């Protein structure tokens, strides 16, 4: 009977745990912000954004001088 009570307590404590819910909420916020960024970047000219990414990559790799 003692094992049954201990098991019930563990299950009840697990059900009350809210840390997992916070992680899910943060994940949903990050997902929504990511979708908003993709939509905003799509509104920009795709070629100009691609050139910007290439310039940043070259600058970080030291392939060219950065201005």
Protein backbone atom coordinates (compact mmCIF):
# COMPACT_ATOMS: atom_id res chain seq x y z
CA UNK A 1 0.00 0.00 0.00
CA UNK A 2 2.94 2.32 0.72
CA UNK A 3 4.20 1.94 -2.87
CA UNK A 4 0.75 2.85 -4.20
CA UNK A 5 0.67 6.04 -2.12
CA UNK A 6 4.18 6.98 -3.23
CA UNK A 7 3.24 6.41 -6.87
CA UNK A 8 0.13 8.55 -6.51
CA UNK A 9 2.20 11.32 -4.93
CA UNK A 10 4.76 11.23 -7.75
CA UNK A 11 2.01 11.39 -10.38
CA UNK A 12 0.26 14.26 -8.58
CA UNK A 13 3.52 16.21 -8.25
CA UNK A 14 4.26 15.65 -11.94
CA UNK A 15 0.78 16.90 -12.90
CA UNK A 16 1.31 20.08 -10.85
CA UNK A 17 4.69 20.80 -12.46
CA UNK A 18 4.51 23.91 -14.66
CA UNK A 19 8.10 24.22 -15.95
CA UNK A 20 7.28 22.31 -19.11
CA UNK A 21 4.40 24.66 -19.89
CA UNK A 22 6.76 27.64 -19.73
CA UNK A 23 9.13 25.98 -22.17
CA UNK A 24 6.26 25.38 -24.59
CA UNK A 25 5.12 29.00 -24.26
CA UNK A 26 8.62 30.30 -24.99
CA UNK A 27 8.84 27.99 -27.97
CA UNK A 28 5.55 29.32 -29.33
CA UNK A 29 6.75 32.91 -28.91
CA UNK A 30 10.03 32.14 -30.69
CA UNK A 31 8.10 30.43 -33.49
CA UNK A 32 5.75 33.41 -33.93
CA UNK A 33 8.65 35.88 -33.99
CA UNK A 34 10.50 33.69 -36.51
CA UNK A 35 7.49 33.58 -38.81
CA UNK A 36 7.09 37.37 -38.54
CA UNK A 37 10.77 37.84 -39.44
CA UNK A 38 10.49 35.56 -42.47
CA UNK A 39 7.42 37.45 -43.69
CA UNK A 40 9.15 40.80 -43.14
CA UNK A 41 12.29 39.66 -44.94
CA UNK A 42 10.24 38.32 -47.85
CA UNK A 43 8.89 41.86 -48.29
CA UNK A 44 12.46 43.02 -48.91
CA UNK A 45 14.03 42.43 -52.27
CA UNK A 46 15.35 38.87 -52.10
CA UNK A 47 18.48 39.69 -54.07
CA UNK A 48 19.41 42.61 -51.82
CA UNK A 49 18.97 40.47 -48.72
CA UNK A 50 21.04 37.69 -50.26
CA UNK A 51 23.80 40.16 -51.07
CA UNK A 52 23.72 41.43 -47.49
CA UNK A 53 24.09 37.91 -46.11
CA UNK A 54 26.98 37.23 -48.51
CA UNK A 55 28.75 40.46 -47.51
CA UNK A 56 28.36 39.65 -43.82
CA UNK A 57 29.68 36.13 -44.40
CA UNK A 58 32.68 37.42 -46.32
CA UNK A 59 33.38 40.02 -43.64
CA UNK A 60 33.24 37.46 -40.85
CA UNK A 61 35.48 35.01 -42.71
CA UNK A 62 38.06 37.71 -43.45
CA UNK A 63 37.81 37.15 -47.20
CA UNK A 64 37.34 40.87 -47.87
CA UNK A 65 37.73 44.13 -46.04
CA UNK A 66 34.61 45.35 -44.29
CA UNK A 67 33.35 48.91 -44.66
